[in-house]
Structure formats: C-alpha cells, structure tokens
Protein backbone atom coordinates (compact mmCIF):
# COMPACT_ATOMS: atom_id res chain seq x y z
CA MET A 1 134.33 77.53 -187.60
CA ALA A 2 135.66 77.75 -191.29
CA ASP A 3 136.32 74.42 -193.20
CA HIS A 4 139.07 75.99 -194.86
CA THR A 5 141.45 78.54 -194.01
CA PHE A 6 144.21 79.90 -196.02
CA ARG A 7 147.02 82.88 -195.16
CA LEU A 8 147.57 85.44 -198.27
CA THR A 9 150.99 87.40 -197.98
CA ASN A 10 151.98 90.14 -199.93
CA THR A 11 148.75 90.84 -201.95
CA PRO A 12 147.73 94.58 -202.34
CA LEU A 13 146.05 94.65 -198.93
CA GLY A 14 149.04 93.65 -196.74
CA THR A 15 148.43 90.13 -195.70
CA VAL A 16 145.02 88.87 -195.85
CA LEU A 17 143.05 85.64 -194.29
CA VAL A 18 140.59 83.39 -196.50
CA LYS A 19 138.21 81.33 -194.41
CA PHE A 20 135.62 79.37 -196.80
CA TYR A 21 132.71 77.78 -195.71
CA GLN A 22 130.20 74.97 -196.72
CA ILE A 23 126.72 76.17 -196.43
CA GLU A 24 124.37 73.71 -197.78
CA PRO A 25 121.90 75.26 -198.97
CA TYR A 26 123.33 78.95 -198.92
CA SER A 27 121.50 81.36 -197.10
CA ASP A 28 122.56 84.47 -195.34
CA GLU A 29 120.98 83.81 -192.10
CA ALA A 30 122.96 80.39 -192.13
CA PHE A 31 126.09 81.82 -193.29
CA THR A 32 125.97 84.77 -190.49
CA GLN A 33 124.73 81.85 -187.71
CA ALA A 34 128.57 79.87 -188.86
CA LYS A 35 130.39 83.17 -188.40
CA ALA A 36 128.96 83.68 -184.68
CA ARG A 37 129.50 80.71 -184.17
CA GLU A 38 133.18 80.81 -185.31
CA PHE A 39 133.42 84.46 -183.49
CA LEU A 40 132.24 83.35 -180.15
CA GLN A 41 134.51 79.79 -180.04
CA THR A 42 137.74 82.40 -181.48
CA THR A 43 137.27 85.38 -178.86
CA VAL A 44 135.13 84.72 -175.94
CA GLY A 45 137.73 84.28 -172.74
CA SER A 46 140.94 83.72 -175.22
CA GLY A 47 142.37 87.19 -176.28
CA ASN A 48 142.01 86.70 -179.67
CA ALA A 49 141.10 89.28 -182.21
CA TRP A 50 138.46 89.43 -184.83
CA SER A 51 139.43 91.41 -187.55
CA LEU A 52 136.78 93.48 -189.64
CA ALA A 53 135.77 91.32 -193.15
CA LEU A 54 137.17 93.29 -196.09
CA TYR A 55 134.53 90.81 -197.33
CA GLN A 56 131.77 88.17 -196.56
CA GLY A 57 129.34 86.65 -198.52
CA ARG A 58 129.01 84.27 -201.62
CA ILE A 59 132.17 83.56 -203.51
CA ASP A 60 130.93 83.63 -206.62
CA THR A 61 130.05 87.92 -205.64
CA ASN A 62 133.18 88.19 -204.09
CA THR A 63 135.21 91.34 -205.68
CA VAL A 64 138.41 91.48 -203.34
CA LEU A 65 141.26 89.63 -204.79
CA PRO A 66 139.22 87.70 -206.78
CA GLU A 67 141.79 86.05 -208.79
CA ALA A 68 143.45 84.66 -205.59
CA ILE A 69 140.33 84.17 -204.36
CA ALA A 70 139.18 81.58 -206.67
CA GLN A 71 142.50 79.95 -206.99
CA LEU A 72 141.79 78.98 -203.33
CA HIS A 73 138.11 78.26 -203.97
CA ALA A 74 139.90 75.49 -206.52
CA ARG A 75 141.31 73.63 -203.38
CA CYS A 76 137.76 73.74 -202.04
CA PRO A 77 135.41 73.64 -204.45
CA GLU A 78 132.41 72.36 -201.91
CA CYS A 79 132.60 75.73 -200.14
CA THR A 80 129.91 78.38 -200.92
CA ALA A 81 131.18 81.45 -198.66
CA VAL A 82 134.11 83.32 -197.84
CA ARG A 83 135.08 85.58 -195.26
CA ILE A 84 138.52 88.12 -196.23
CA GLU A 85 140.06 89.81 -192.94
CA GLN A 86 142.65 91.53 -192.84
CA ALA A 87 145.46 89.38 -190.84
CA ALA A 88 146.26 90.88 -186.97
CA GLY A 89 149.90 91.88 -186.64
C-alpha cells in the first residue's frame, strides 16, 4: 500500500490521487512489486477500480504537476516514488 495518499482537486487535470511510496533502496522492480500488492489489495473482490497512472516512478523525474507534487512530497520526504492517477468519479 502507499505510505501516503493525497487527493488534489481543481488541478488542470481535474481531481487526481497522489500516492507516495517509501521504497528503500529504490529500484523499478521493488516499486512494481509495491504497486502490484496494492492493486491486489485494492481491487480483488472489492469492486474498486484501479485508474491508469498519469505518472509512476521516481519522484525526482516526475513531470506531472511538478510544483504541487513537490509541495506534497515535503510532507513525506522519506518517500522515493510516486503514482499519480486520475480520481474515479
């Protein structure tokens, strides 16, 4: 599961969910495993949806809403990865 989840409203992209993960040491494989666990816990048998990511990966290479994401990242500086997705509904 994400270590921190935020909902941003009224962005140029509409409402987005921003999920921060603390992956130490960071690797693409470790991040993929964390997302897969969250996907299974969130969706299987629950009826919940899993939105397509607008961005997912290292925080320092994010190009989606970079200023807003940087401000949120200040609340959880230990996190190393982020997933940004369009909010359902």
